[in-house]
Amino acid sequence: MTRKVMKTALSIAGTDPTGGAGIQADLKAMTMNGVFAMSVVTALVAQNTMGVKSIAEVEPEFLAQQIDAVFEDIVPDAVKIGMVFSCPLIAVIAERLRKYQAEKIVLDPVMVATSGDRLISEDAIAALKKELMPLAAIVTPNIPEAEVLSGRKIGNVQEMEAAARCISEAYGCAVLLKGGHRINDANDFFYQNGTSRWFMGKRIDNPNTHGTGCTLSSAIAANLAKGCDMPTSIARAKEYLTDALVDGLDLGKGSGPMNHAFYLRGEYAKEK
């Protein structure tokens, strides 16, 4: 009997009990993009599509033990880092990922939830820049996050391009700067080692957008884990996210979490 080896991806992030964002969304996206998904919890977040009620961080020692438990048993082929609220947790993640020589790290520098609630402390932003940015293969900020990371105001496509180059050259990582905030429909700008490309998209008329950033970065990590190059991983991730939004699943009361109707289909779990 021939055993099939499945690629693996790890999400290091906070939770979302509604399942639309955070680790729960990451696990869905990774699974539906064809990898075995694992998770390390940085914080328990009482949130829904309407806002964040409270955040309970895990202890740094326990965070380290979670990461150890994964890498000592099932070494991930890619790692996605999402919400990390404080400096001590950032330091632990950076130290452990260096220790285990983790590869294909996708950093989604989550700073503010879709609802507007802050998801990182002010001093932790400096720690994120110092400790995690240099470890990342790619960083996936939205426009407000890119303004913080680059120290530049972004008001048009030319300023998007300049900010992405600035971040990439400062930290030695690829950058996918996501559009949609005041600039364009859903066009994202990619920059790496002097090479740039626009990934064009169309804004979908769907109010269920909670967790779209988590989903996109996790799908990128999953495709990197499968051995795809960076542009291919981004293109597949954008296709997956767009199709999920187009499905337009409505979960009822409230605005509803970012839908994952596409998990009812199998095409994204297959090798392409």
Foldseek 3Di string as FASTA:
>chain_A
DDDDDFAEEEEEWADEVLQQAIPSLLCLLLQLLAGHYYYQHQWYWDDDPQGTDDIGGDDLVVSLVRLCVCCVPPQHLEYEYEFHAELSNLVSVLVSCVVSVHPAYEYEDQAAFPNGHGRYDPVVVVSCLVRPLLRHQEYEYEQVVLCVQQVDHDQEPVSLVVSQVSNCVVRVHKYWYFYDPNYDATWIWIDHPHDIDIDDDHHFPALQCGHLSRSLSSQLRSVVSVPDDNVVSNNLSVVQLVVQRNVRDDPDPDSRHSGNVVSVDRPSNDDD
